[in-house]
Amino acid sequence: FRVRGAYFVIITICFAQVLRLLTLNWVELTQGPMALSGIPAL
């Protein structure tokens, strides 16, 4: 929020893409493309 308009939009898009790449490549934590399975139901 130090910036406005198109700059804020770009920052939010980049934030989502960075998290996607992080979860895709940090296999030890997130299992990467193999996904986290067996999540218990509420």
PDB file of all heavy atoms in Angstrom:
ATOM      1  N   PHE A   1       0.805  -1.215   0.000  1.00  0.00           N
ATOM      2  CA  PHE A   1       0.000   0.000   0.000  1.00  0.00           C
ATOM      3  C   PHE A   1       0.841   1.270   0.000  1.00  0.00           C
ATOM      4  O   PHE A   1       0.316   2.371   0.144  1.00  0.00           O
ATOM      5  CB  PHE A   1      -0.978   0.000   1.177  1.00  0.00           C
ATOM      6  CG  PHE A   1      -2.161  -0.882   0.943  1.00  0.00           C
ATOM      7  CD1 PHE A   1      -2.495  -1.868   1.851  1.00  0.00           C
ATOM      8  CD2 PHE A   1      -2.932  -0.741  -0.194  1.00  0.00           C
ATOM      9  CE1 PHE A   1      -3.584  -2.694   1.626  1.00  0.00           C
ATOM     10  CE2 PHE A   1      -4.021  -1.562  -0.426  1.00  0.00           C
ATOM     11  CZ  PHE A   1      -4.354  -2.536   0.489  1.00  0.00           C
ATOM     12  N   ARG A   2       2.144   1.110  -0.179  1.00  0.00           N
ATOM     13  CA  ARG A   2       2.968   2.275  -0.448  1.00  0.00           C
ATOM     14  C   ARG A   2       2.773   2.747  -1.877  1.00  0.00           C
ATOM     15  O   ARG A   2       3.187   3.853  -2.233  1.00  0.00           O
ATOM     16  CB  ARG A   2       4.443   1.942  -0.195  1.00  0.00           C
ATOM     17  CG  ARG A   2       4.748   1.573   1.254  1.00  0.00           C
ATOM     18  CD  ARG A   2       6.206   1.200   1.410  1.00  0.00           C
ATOM     19  NE  ARG A   2       6.484   0.774   2.775  1.00  0.00           N
ATOM     20  CZ  ARG A   2       6.815   1.579   3.772  1.00  0.00           C
ATOM     21  NH1 ARG A   2       6.902   2.886   3.550  1.00  0.00           N
ATOM     22  NH2 ARG A   2       7.057   1.117   4.979  1.00  0.00           N
ATOM     23  N   VAL A   3       2.180   1.874  -2.702  1.00  0.00           N
ATOM     24  CA  VAL A   3       1.891   2.217  -4.094  1.00  0.00           C
ATOM     25  C   VAL A   3       0.397   2.023  -4.340  1.00  0.00           C
ATOM     26  O   VAL A   3      -0.321   1.480  -3.521  1.00  0.00           O
ATOM     27  CB  VAL A   3       2.708   1.348  -5.074  1.00  0.00           C
ATOM     28  CG1 VAL A   3       4.185   1.638  -4.923  1.00  0.00           C
ATOM     29  CG2 VAL A   3       2.434  -0.135  -4.841  1.00  0.00           C
ATOM     30  N   ARG A   4      -0.082   2.491  -5.473  1.00  0.00           N
ATOM     31  CA  ARG A   4      -1.502   2.390  -5.803  1.00  0.00           C
ATOM     32  C   ARG A   4      -1.659   1.956  -7.257  1.00  0.00           C
ATOM     33  O   ARG A   4      -0.696   1.855  -8.011  1.00  0.00           O
ATOM     34  CB  ARG A   4      -2.206   3.747  -5.603  1.00  0.00           C
ATOM     35  CG  ARG A   4      -2.212   4.266  -4.185  1.00  0.00           C
ATOM     36  CD  ARG A   4      -3.179   3.480  -3.305  1.00  0.00           C
ATOM     37  NE  ARG A   4      -3.334   4.124  -2.019  1.00  0.00           N
ATOM     38  CZ  ARG A   4      -2.529   3.934  -0.986  1.00  0.00           C
ATOM     39  NH1 ARG A   4      -1.509   3.114  -1.099  1.00  0.00           N
ATOM     40  NH2 ARG A   4      -2.738   4.563   0.153  1.00  0.00           N
ATOM     41  N   GLY A   5      -2.906   1.738  -7.642  1.00  0.00           N
ATOM     42  CA  GLY A   5      -3.239   1.476  -9.034  1.00  0.00           C
ATOM     43  C   GLY A   5      -2.608   0.226  -9.585  1.00  0.00           C
ATOM     44  O   GLY A   5      -2.610  -0.839  -8.962  1.00  0.00           O
ATOM     45  N   ALA A   6      -2.029   0.357 -10.795  1.00  0.00           N
ATOM     46  CA  ALA A   6      -1.479  -0.802 -11.501  1.00  0.00           C
ATOM     47  C   ALA A   6      -0.326  -1.432 -10.734  1.00  0.00           C
ATOM     48  O   ALA A   6      -0.122  -2.652 -10.802  1.00  0.00           O
ATOM     49  CB  ALA A   6      -1.010  -0.393 -12.892  1.00  0.00           C
ATOM     50  N   TYR A   7       0.430  -0.643  -9.969  1.00  0.00           N
ATOM     51  CA  TYR A   7       1.557  -1.187  -9.226  1.00  0.00           C
ATOM     52  C   TYR A   7       1.075  -2.149  -8.133  1.00  0.00           C
ATOM     53  O   TYR A   7       1.678  -3.192  -7.895  1.00  0.00           O
ATOM     54  CB  TYR A   7       2.376  -0.050  -8.603  1.00  0.00           C
ATOM     55  CG  TYR A   7       2.932   0.908  -9.628  1.00  0.00           C
ATOM     56  CD1 TYR A   7       2.343   2.146  -9.843  1.00  0.00           C
ATOM     57  CD2 TYR A   7       4.041   0.567 -10.395  1.00  0.00           C
ATOM     58  CE1 TYR A   7       2.839   3.022 -10.789  1.00  0.00           C
ATOM     59  CE2 TYR A   7       4.553   1.429 -11.340  1.00  0.00           C
ATOM     60  CZ  TYR A   7       3.944   2.655 -11.542  1.00  0.00           C
ATOM     61  OH  TYR A   7       4.436   3.517 -12.491  1.00  0.00           O
ATOM     62  N   PHE A   8      -0.018  -1.785  -7.483  1.00  0.00           N
ATOM     63  CA  PHE A   8      -0.575  -2.670  -6.456  1.00  0.00           C
ATOM     64  C   PHE A   8      -1.072  -3.967  -7.079  1.00  0.00           C
ATOM     65  O   PHE A   8      -0.870  -5.054  -6.527  1.00  0.00           O
ATOM     66  CB  PHE A   8      -1.719  -1.965  -5.727  1.00  0.00           C
ATOM     67  CG  PHE A   8      -2.425  -2.823  -4.715  1.00  0.00           C
ATOM     68  CD1 PHE A   8      -1.853  -3.088  -3.487  1.00  0.00           C
ATOM     69  CD2 PHE A   8      -3.667  -3.394  -5.003  1.00  0.00           C
ATOM     70  CE1 PHE A   8      -2.491  -3.893  -2.557  1.00  0.00           C
ATOM     71  CE2 PHE A   8      -4.312  -4.193  -4.086  1.00  0.00           C
ATOM     72  CZ  PHE A   8      -3.718  -4.450  -2.852  1.00  0.00           C
ATOM     73  N   VAL A   9      -1.719  -3.870  -8.228  1.00  0.00           N
ATOM     74  CA  VAL A   9      -2.210  -5.066  -8.928  1.00  0.00           C
ATOM     75  C   VAL A   9      -1.053  -5.993  -9.276  1.00  0.00           C
ATOM     76  O   VAL A   9      -1.119  -7.211  -9.083  1.00  0.00           O
ATOM     77  CB  VAL A   9      -2.986  -4.664 -10.197  1.00  0.00           C
ATOM     78  CG1 VAL A   9      -3.374  -5.902 -10.997  1.00  0.00           C
ATOM     79  CG2 VAL A   9      -4.217  -3.862  -9.839  1.00  0.00           C
ATOM     80  N   ILE A  10       0.046  -5.428  -9.792  1.00  0.00           N
ATOM     81  CA  ILE A  10       1.214  -6.232 -10.171  1.00  0.00           C
ATOM     82  C   ILE A  10       1.809  -6.926  -8.953  1.00  0.00           C
ATOM     83  O   ILE A  10       2.185  -8.103  -9.007  1.00  0.00           O
ATOM     84  CB  ILE A  10       2.258  -5.339 -10.869  1.00  0.00           C
ATOM     85  CG1 ILE A  10       1.722  -4.874 -12.228  1.00  0.00           C
ATOM     86  CG2 ILE A  10       3.578  -6.098 -11.045  1.00  0.00           C
ATOM     87  CD1 ILE A  10       2.598  -3.857 -12.909  1.00  0.00           C
ATOM     88  N   ILE A  11       1.901  -6.207  -7.832  1.00  0.00           N
ATOM     89  CA  ILE A  11       2.461  -6.797  -6.620  1.00  0.00           C
ATOM     90  C   ILE A  11       1.629  -7.989  -6.158  1.00  0.00           C
ATOM     91  O   ILE A  11       2.169  -9.035  -5.779  1.00  0.00           O
ATOM     92  CB  ILE A  11       2.563  -5.733  -5.508  1.00  0.00           C
ATOM     93  CG1 ILE A  11       3.672  -4.732  -5.838  1.00  0.00           C
ATOM     94  CG2 ILE A  11       2.850  -6.386  -4.154  1.00  0.00           C
ATOM     95  CD1 ILE A  11       3.765  -3.579  -4.876  1.00  0.00           C
ATOM     96  N   THR A  12       0.305  -7.862  -6.185  1.00  0.00           N
ATOM     97  CA  THR A  12      -0.541  -8.960  -5.717  1.00  0.00           C
ATOM     98  C   THR A  12      -0.451 -10.168  -6.646  1.00  0.00           C
ATOM     99  O   THR A  12      -0.444 -11.313  -6.179  1.00  0.00           O
ATOM    100  CB  THR A  12      -2.006  -8.499  -5.600  1.00  0.00           C
ATOM    101  OG1 THR A  12      -2.452  -7.974  -6.871  1.00  0.00           O
ATOM    102  CG2 THR A  12      -2.143  -7.398  -4.555  1.00  0.00           C
ATOM    103  N   ILE A  13      -0.367  -9.920  -7.957  1.00  0.00           N
ATOM    104  CA  ILE A  13      -0.216 -11.030  -8.897  1.00  0.00           C
ATOM    105  C   ILE A  13       1.105 -11.758  -8.653  1.00  0.00           C
ATOM    106  O   ILE A  13       1.164 -12.993  -8.612  1.00  0.00           O
ATOM    107  CB  ILE A  13      -0.301 -10.531 -10.355  1.00  0.00           C
ATOM    108  CG1 ILE A  13      -1.708 -10.014 -10.667  1.00  0.00           C
ATOM    109  CG2 ILE A  13       0.067 -11.646 -11.331  1.00  0.00           C
ATOM    110  CD1 ILE A  13      -1.837  -9.407 -12.048  1.00  0.00           C
ATOM    111  N   CYS A  14       2.182 -10.985  -8.497  1.00  0.00           N
ATOM    112  CA  CYS A  14       3.500 -11.585  -8.255  1.00  0.00           C
ATOM    113  C   CYS A  14       3.513 -12.376  -6.944  1.00  0.00           C
ATOM    114  O   CYS A  14       4.146 -13.437  -6.858  1.00  0.00           O
ATOM    115  CB  CYS A  14       4.564 -10.501  -8.232  1.00  0.00           C
ATOM    116  SG  CYS A  14       4.849  -9.694  -9.829  1.00  0.00           S
ATOM    117  N   PHE A  15       2.840 -11.859  -5.934  1.00  0.00           N
ATOM    118  CA  PHE A  15       2.777 -12.543  -4.645  1.00  0.00           C
ATOM    119  C   PHE A  15       2.159 -13.931  -4.804  1.00  0.00           C
ATOM    120  O   PHE A  15       2.674 -14.928  -4.277  1.00  0.00           O
ATOM    121  CB  PHE A  15       1.960 -11.700  -3.672  1.00  0.00           C
ATOM    122  CG  PHE A  15       1.776 -12.324  -2.319  1.00  0.00           C
ATOM    123  CD1 PHE A  15       2.867 -12.645  -1.537  1.00  0.00           C
ATOM    124  CD2 PHE A  15       0.499 -12.570  -1.820  1.00  0.00           C
ATOM    125  CE1 PHE A  15       2.703 -13.222  -0.276  1.00  0.00           C
ATOM    126  CE2 PHE A  15       0.314 -13.137  -0.573  1.00  0.00           C
ATOM    127  CZ  PHE A  15       1.425 -13.463   0.195  1.00  0.00           C
ATOM    128  N   ALA A  16       1.065 -14.016  -5.555  1.00  0.00           N
ATOM    129  CA  ALA A  16       0.415 -15.309  -5.772  1.00  0.00           C
ATOM    130  C   ALA A  16       1.298 -16.249  -6.580  1.00  0.00           C
ATOM    131  O   ALA A  16       1.384 -17.454  -6.281  1.00  0.00           O
ATOM    132  CB  ALA A  16      -0.932 -15.108  -6.474  1.00  0.00           C
ATOM    133  N   GLN A  17       1.985 -15.727  -7.591  1.00  0.00           N
ATOM    134  CA  GLN A  17       2.824 -16.581  -8.429  1.00  0.00           C
ATOM    135  C   GLN A  17       4.047 -17.084  -7.665  1.00  0.00           C
ATOM    136  O   GLN A  17       4.472 -18.224  -7.846  1.00  0.00           O
ATOM    137  CB  GLN A  17       3.256 -15.811  -9.677  1.00  0.00           C
ATOM    138  CG  GLN A  17       2.129 -15.556 -10.656  1.00  0.00           C
ATOM    139  CD  GLN A  17       1.423 -16.829 -11.084  1.00  0.00           C
ATOM    140  OE1 GLN A  17       2.069 -17.806 -11.475  1.00  0.00           O
ATOM    141  NE2 GLN A  17       0.109 -16.841 -11.015  1.00  0.00           N
ATOM    142  N   VAL A  18       4.621 -16.235  -6.807  1.00  0.00           N
ATOM    143  CA  VAL A  18       5.758 -16.664  -5.995  1.00  0.00           C
ATOM    144  C   VAL A  18       5.351 -17.802  -5.065  1.00  0.00           C
ATOM    145  O   VAL A  18       6.069 -18.801  -4.907  1.00  0.00           O
ATOM    146  CB  VAL A  18       6.322 -15.479  -5.191  1.00  0.00           C
ATOM    147  CG1 VAL A  18       7.276 -15.972  -4.101  1.00  0.00           C
ATOM    148  CG2 VAL A  18       7.045 -14.512  -6.116  1.00  0.00           C
ATOM    149  N   LEU A  19       4.171 -17.681  -4.441  1.00  0.00           N
ATOM    150  CA  LEU A  19       3.704 -18.751  -3.553  1.00  0.00           C
ATOM    151  C   LEU A  19       3.437 -20.033  -4.327  1.00  0.00           C
ATOM    152  O   LEU A  19       3.721 -21.137  -3.835  1.00  0.00           O
ATOM    153  CB  LEU A  19       2.438 -18.298  -2.831  1.00  0.00           C
ATOM    154  CG  LEU A  19       2.625 -17.248  -1.741  1.00  0.00           C
ATOM    155  CD1 LEU A  19       1.278 -16.853  -1.151  1.00  0.00           C
ATOM    156  CD2 LEU A  19       3.550 -17.762  -0.642  1.00  0.00           C
ATOM    157  N   ARG A  20       2.922 -19.913  -5.533  1.00  0.00           N
ATOM    158  CA  ARG A  20       2.669 -21.106  -6.340  1.00  0.00           C
ATOM    159  C   ARG A  20       3.978 -21.806  -6.690  1.00  0.00           C
ATOM    160  O   ARG A  20       4.090 -23.040  -6.592  1.00  0.00           O
ATOM    161  CB  ARG A  20       1.915 -20.733  -7.611  1.00  0.00           C
ATOM    162  CG  ARG A  20       1.589 -21.939  -8.500  1.00  0.00           C
ATOM    163  CD  ARG A  20       0.717 -21.569  -9.677  1.00  0.00           C
ATOM    164  NE  ARG A  20       0.409 -22.754 -10.457  1.00  0.00           N
ATOM    165  CZ  ARG A  20       1.171 -23.232 -11.443  1.00  0.00           C
ATOM    166  NH1 ARG A  20       2.283 -22.590 -11.780  1.00  0.00           N
ATOM    167  NH2 ARG A  20       0.834 -24.312 -12.102  1.00  0.00           N
ATOM    168  N   LEU A  21       4.990 -21.028  -7.098  1.00  0.00           N
ATOM    169  CA  LEU A  21       6.291 -21.628  -7.419  1.00  0.00           C
ATOM    170  C   LEU A  21       6.944 -22.226  -6.176  1.00  0.00           C
ATOM    171  O   LEU A  21       7.605 -23.270  -6.245  1.00  0.00           O
ATOM    172  CB  LEU A  21       7.204 -20.579  -8.048  1.00  0.00           C
ATOM    173  CG  LEU A  21       6.800 -20.090  -9.445  1.00  0.00           C
ATOM    174  CD1 LEU A  21       7.707 -18.958  -9.897  1.00  0.00           C
ATOM    175  CD2 LEU A  21       6.837 -21.236 -10.447  1.00  0.00           C
ATOM    176  N   LEU A  22       6.752 -21.580  -5.033  1.00  0.00           N
ATOM    177  CA  LEU A  22       7.327 -22.086  -3.786  1.00  0.00           C
ATOM    178  C   LEU A  22       6.721 -23.436  -3.420  1.00  0.00           C
ATOM    179  O   LEU A  22       7.433 -24.388  -3.079  1.00  0.00           O
ATOM    180  CB  LEU A  22       7.091 -21.075  -2.670  1.00  0.00           C
ATOM    181  CG  LEU A  22       7.697 -21.418  -1.301  1.00  0.00           C
ATOM    182  CD1 LEU A  22       9.215 -21.451  -1.385  1.00  0.00           C
ATOM    183  CD2 LEU A  22       7.240 -20.405  -0.252  1.00  0.00           C
ATOM    184  N   THR A  23       5.397 -23.527  -3.486  1.00  0.00           N
ATOM    185  CA  THR A  23       4.746 -24.797  -3.147  1.00  0.00           C
ATOM    186  C   THR A  23       5.033 -25.874  -4.196  1.00  0.00           C
ATOM    187  O   THR A  23       5.031 -27.064  -3.885  1.00  0.00           O
ATOM    188  CB  THR A  23       3.230 -24.611  -3.019  1.00  0.00           C
ATOM    189  OG1 THR A  23       2.713 -24.016  -4.231  1.00  0.00           O
ATOM    190  CG2 THR A  23       2.890 -23.696  -1.855  1.00  0.00           C
ATOM    191  N   LEU A  24       5.287 -25.448  -5.424  1.00  0.00           N
ATOM    192  CA  LEU A  24       5.581 -26.411  -6.482  1.00  0.00           C
ATOM    193  C   LEU A  24       6.974 -27.023  -6.328  1.00  0.00           C
ATOM    194  O   LEU A  24       7.190 -28.200  -6.637  1.00  0.00           O
ATOM    195  CB  LEU A  24       5.456 -25.729  -7.847  1.00  0.00           C
ATOM    196  CG  LEU A  24       5.615 -26.611  -9.090  1.00  0.00           C
ATOM    197  CD1 LEU A  24       4.503 -27.649  -9.165  1.00  0.00           C
ATOM    198  CD2 LEU A  24       5.631 -25.756 -10.343  1.00  0.00           C
ATOM    199  N   ASN A  25       7.918 -26.239  -5.803  1.00  0.00           N
ATOM    200  CA  ASN A  25       9.312 -26.690  -5.753  1.00  0.00           C
ATOM    201  C   ASN A  25       9.784 -27.114  -4.363  1.00  0.00           C
ATOM    202  O   ASN A  25      10.794 -27.811  -4.251  1.00  0.00           O
ATOM    203  CB  ASN A  25      10.228 -25.575  -6.271  1.00  0.00           C
ATOM    204  CG  ASN A  25      10.048 -25.318  -7.754  1.00  0.00           C
ATOM    205  OD1 ASN A  25      10.532 -26.065  -8.590  1.00  0.00           O
ATOM    206  ND2 ASN A  25       9.321 -24.261  -8.080  1.00  0.00           N
ATOM    207  N   TRP A  26       9.095 -26.713  -3.311  1.00  0.00           N
ATOM    208  CA  TRP A  26       9.501 -27.122  -1.962  1.00  0.00           C
ATOM    209  C   TRP A  26       8.870 -28.484  -1.663  1.00  0.00           C
ATOM    210  O   TRP A  26       7.950 -28.613  -0.857  1.00  0.00           O
ATOM    211  CB  TRP A  26       9.069 -26.082  -0.938  1.00  0.00           C
ATOM    212  CG  TRP A  26       9.797 -26.195   0.362  1.00  0.00           C
ATOM    213  CD1 TRP A  26      10.664 -27.166   0.749  1.00  0.00           C
ATOM    214  CD2 TRP A  26       9.713 -25.292   1.469  1.00  0.00           C
ATOM    215  NE1 TRP A  26      11.137 -26.934   2.017  1.00  0.00           N
ATOM    216  CE2 TRP A  26      10.569 -25.781   2.486  1.00  0.00           C
ATOM    217  CE3 TRP A  26       9.005 -24.117   1.703  1.00  0.00           C
ATOM    218  CZ2 TRP A  26      10.716 -25.152   3.704  1.00  0.00           C
ATOM    219  CZ3 TRP A  26       9.158 -23.480   2.918  1.00  0.00           C
ATOM    220  CH2 TRP A  26      10.010 -23.982   3.909  1.00  0.00           C
ATOM    221  N   VAL A  27       9.396 -29.504  -2.306  1.00  0.00           N
ATOM    222  CA  VAL A  27       8.796 -30.830  -2.278  1.00  0.00           C
ATOM    223  C   VAL A  27       8.832 -31.425  -0.866  1.00  0.00           C
ATOM    224  O   VAL A  27       7.906 -32.132  -0.448  1.00  0.00           O
ATOM    225  CB  VAL A  27       9.503 -31.756  -3.280  1.00  0.00           C
ATOM    226  CG1 VAL A  27       8.923 -33.165  -3.220  1.00  0.00           C
ATOM    227  CG2 VAL A  27       9.397 -31.193  -4.682  1.00  0.00           C
ATOM    228  N   GLU A  28       9.880 -31.140  -0.113  1.00  0.00           N
ATOM    229  CA  GLU A  28      10.003 -31.717   1.227  1.00  0.00           C
ATOM    230  C   GLU A  28       8.849 -31.288   2.137  1.00  0.00           C
ATOM    231  O   GLU A  28       8.388 -32.067   2.976  1.00  0.00           O
ATOM    232  CB  GLU A  28      11.323 -31.287   1.866  1.00  0.00           C
ATOM    233  CG  GLU A  28      11.570 -31.943   3.228  1.00  0.00           C
ATOM    234  CD  GLU A  28      12.860 -31.471   3.875  1.00  0.00           C
ATOM    235  OE1 GLU A  28      13.434 -30.461   3.412  1.00  0.00           O
ATOM    236  OE2 GLU A  28      13.303 -32.119   4.846  1.00  0.00           O
ATOM    237  N   LEU A  29       8.336 -30.067   1.926  1.00  0.00           N
ATOM    238  CA  LEU A  29       7.251 -29.568   2.770  1.00  0.00           C
ATOM    239  C   LEU A  29       5.882 -29.800   2.147  1.00  0.00           C
ATOM    240  O   LEU A  29       4.961 -30.269   2.821  1.00  0.00           O
ATOM    241  CB  LEU A  29       7.442 -28.074   3.033  1.00  0.00           C
ATOM    242  CG  LEU A  29       6.344 -27.379   3.851  1.00  0.00           C
ATOM    243  CD1 LEU A  29       6.303 -27.947   5.274  1.00  0.00           C
ATOM    244  CD2 LEU A  29       6.560 -25.871   3.879  1.00  0.00           C
ATOM    245  N   THR A  30       5.741 -29.486   0.867  1.00  0.00           N
ATOM    246  CA  THR A  30       4.412 -29.464   0.235  1.00  0.00           C
ATOM    247  C   THR A  30       4.148 -30.652  -0.676  1.00  0.00           C
ATOM    248  O   THR A  30       3.051 -30.749  -1.232  1.00  0.00           O
ATOM    249  CB  THR A  30       4.256 -28.177  -0.588  1.00  0.00           C
ATOM    250  OG1 THR A  30       5.190 -28.200  -1.688  1.00  0.00           O
ATOM    251  CG2 THR A  30       4.518 -26.944   0.263  1.00  0.00           C
ATOM    252  N   GLN A  31       5.138 -31.531  -0.884  1.00  0.00           N
ATOM    253  CA  GLN A  31       5.039 -32.657  -1.829  1.00  0.00           C
ATOM    254  C   GLN A  31       4.997 -32.189  -3.282  1.00  0.00           C
ATOM    255  O   GLN A  31       4.799 -32.993  -4.186  1.00  0.00           O
ATOM    256  CB  GLN A  31       3.804 -33.528  -1.545  1.00  0.00           C
ATOM    257  CG  GLN A  31       3.760 -34.111  -0.147  1.00  0.00           C
ATOM    258  CD  GLN A  31       4.945 -35.007   0.168  1.00  0.00           C
ATOM    259  OE1 GLN A  31       5.330 -35.826  -0.661  1.00  0.00           O
ATOM    260  NE2 GLN A  31       5.531 -34.837   1.340  1.00  0.00           N
ATOM    261  N   GLY A  32       5.150 -30.901  -3.501  1.00  0.00           N
ATOM    262  CA  GLY A  32       5.217 -30.363  -4.853  1.00  0.00           C
ATOM    263  C   GLY A  32       4.026 -30.733  -5.706  1.00  0.00           C
ATOM    264  O   GLY A  32       2.872 -30.706  -5.245  1.00  0.00           O
ATOM    265  N   PRO A  33       4.256 -31.127  -6.970  1.00  0.00           N
ATOM    266  CA  PRO A  33       3.144 -31.486  -7.862  1.00  0.00           C
ATOM    267  C   PRO A  33       2.423 -32.767  -7.447  1.00  0.00           C
ATOM    268  O   PRO A  33       1.336 -33.059  -7.960  1.00  0.00           O
ATOM    269  CB  PRO A  33       3.824 -31.648  -9.225  1.00  0.00           C
ATOM    270  CG  PRO A  33       5.251 -31.957  -8.900  1.00  0.00           C
ATOM    271  CD  PRO A  33       5.559 -31.202  -7.648  1.00  0.00           C
ATOM    272  N   MET A  34       3.011 -33.536  -6.542  1.00  0.00           N
ATOM    273  CA  MET A  34       2.355 -34.765  -6.079  1.00  0.00           C
ATOM    274  C   MET A  34       1.213 -34.468  -5.114  1.00  0.00           C
ATOM    275  O   MET A  34       0.406 -35.349  -4.819  1.00  0.00           O
ATOM    276  CB  MET A  34       3.375 -35.690  -5.418  1.00  0.00           C
ATOM    277  CG  MET A  34       4.430 -36.205  -6.368  1.00  0.00           C
ATOM    278  SD  MET A  34       5.612 -37.307  -5.572  1.00  0.00           S
ATOM    279  CE  MET A  34       6.496 -36.146  -4.511  1.00  0.00           C
ATOM    280  N   ALA A  35       1.154 -33.269  -4.591  1.00  0.00           N
ATOM    281  CA  ALA A  35       0.049 -32.779  -3.764  1.00  0.00           C
ATOM    282  C   ALA A  35       0.071 -33.367  -2.352  1.00  0.00           C
ATOM    283  O   ALA A  35       0.637 -34.430  -2.096  1.00  0.00           O
ATOM    284  CB  ALA A  35      -1.304 -33.060  -4.417  1.00  0.00           C
ATOM    285  N   LEU A  36      -0.563 -32.635  -1.458  1.00  0.00           N
ATOM    286  CA  LEU A  36      -0.801 -33.118  -0.101  1.00  0.00           C
ATOM    287  C   LEU A  36      -2.119 -33.874  -0.097  1.00  0.00           C
ATOM    288  O   LEU A  36      -3.167 -33.303  -0.420  1.00  0.00           O
ATOM    289  CB  LEU A  36      -0.868 -31.943   0.881  1.00  0.00           C
ATOM    290  CG  LEU A  36       0.436 -31.201   1.192  1.00  0.00           C
ATOM    291  CD1 LEU A  36       0.139 -29.954   2.017  1.00  0.00           C
ATOM    292  CD2 LEU A  36       1.412 -32.101   1.926  1.00  0.00           C
ATOM    293  N   SER A  37      -2.090 -35.128   0.248  1.00  0.00           N
ATOM    294  CA  SER A  37      -3.303 -35.950   0.230  1.00  0.00           C
ATOM    295  C   SER A  37      -3.580 -36.490   1.628  1.00  0.00           C
ATOM    296  O   SER A  37      -2.755 -36.379   2.530  1.00  0.00           O
ATOM    297  CB  SER A  37      -3.166 -37.088  -0.774  1.00  0.00           C
ATOM    298  OG  SER A  37      -2.052 -37.903  -0.448  1.00  0.00           O
ATOM    299  N   GLY A  38      -4.738 -37.091   1.781  1.00  0.00           N
ATOM    300  CA  GLY A  38      -5.116 -37.656   3.067  1.00  0.00           C
ATOM    301  C   GLY A  38      -5.422 -36.621   4.127  1.00  0.00           C
ATOM    302  O   GLY A  38      -5.306 -36.897   5.326  1.00  0.00           O
ATOM    303  N   ILE A  39      -5.805 -35.434   3.705  1.00  0.00           N
ATOM    304  CA  ILE A  39      -6.136 -34.368   4.666  1.00  0.00           C
ATOM    305  C   ILE A  39      -7.416 -34.773   5.404  1.00  0.00           C
ATOM    306  O   ILE A  39      -8.423 -35.115   4.777  1.00  0.00           O
ATOM    307  CB  ILE A  39      -6.351 -33.031   3.935  1.00  0.00           C
ATOM    308  CG1 ILE A  39      -5.082 -32.655   3.155  1.00  0.00           C
ATOM    309  CG2 ILE A  39      -6.709 -31.921   4.920  1.00  0.00           C
ATOM    310  CD1 ILE A  39      -5.261 -31.479   2.233  1.00  0.00           C
ATOM    311  N   PRO A  40      -7.409 -34.749   6.727  1.00  0.00           N
ATOM    312  CA  PRO A  40      -8.610 -35.188   7.461  1.00  0.00           C
ATOM    313  C   PRO A  40      -9.772 -34.214   7.286  1.00  0.00           C
ATOM    314  O   PRO A  40      -9.570 -33.015   7.094  1.00  0.00           O
ATOM    315  CB  PRO A  40      -8.130 -35.224   8.921  1.00  0.00           C
ATOM    316  CG  PRO A  40      -6.975 -34.293   8.967  1.00  0.00           C
ATOM    317  CD  PRO A  40      -6.309 -34.376   7.629  1.00  0.00           C
ATOM    318  N   ALA A  41     -10.969 -34.761   7.345  1.00  0.00           N
ATOM    319  CA  ALA A  41     -12.170 -33.920   7.264  1.00  0.00           C
ATOM    320  C   ALA A  41     -12.377 -33.183   8.578  1.00  0.00           C
ATOM    321  O   ALA A  41     -11.933 -33.638   9.641  1.00  0.00           O
ATOM    322  CB  ALA A  41     -13.390 -34.787   6.946  1.00  0.00           C
ATOM    323  N   LEU A  42     -13.015 -32.044   8.502  1.00  0.00           N
ATOM    324  CA  LEU A  42     -13.376 -31.322   9.718  1.00  0.00           C
ATOM    325  C   LEU A  42     -14.392 -32.131  10.516  1.00  0.00           C
ATOM    326  O   LEU A  42     -15.164 -32.916   9.943  1.00  0.00           O
ATOM    327  CB  LEU A  42     -13.942 -29.943   9.370  1.00  0.00           C
ATOM    328  CG  LEU A  42     -12.929 -28.935   8.813  1.00  0.00           C
ATOM    329  CD1 LEU A  42     -13.643 -27.703   8.280  1.00  0.00           C
ATOM    330  CD2 LEU A  42     -11.924 -28.534   9.880  1.00  0.00           C
TER     331      LEU A  42
END
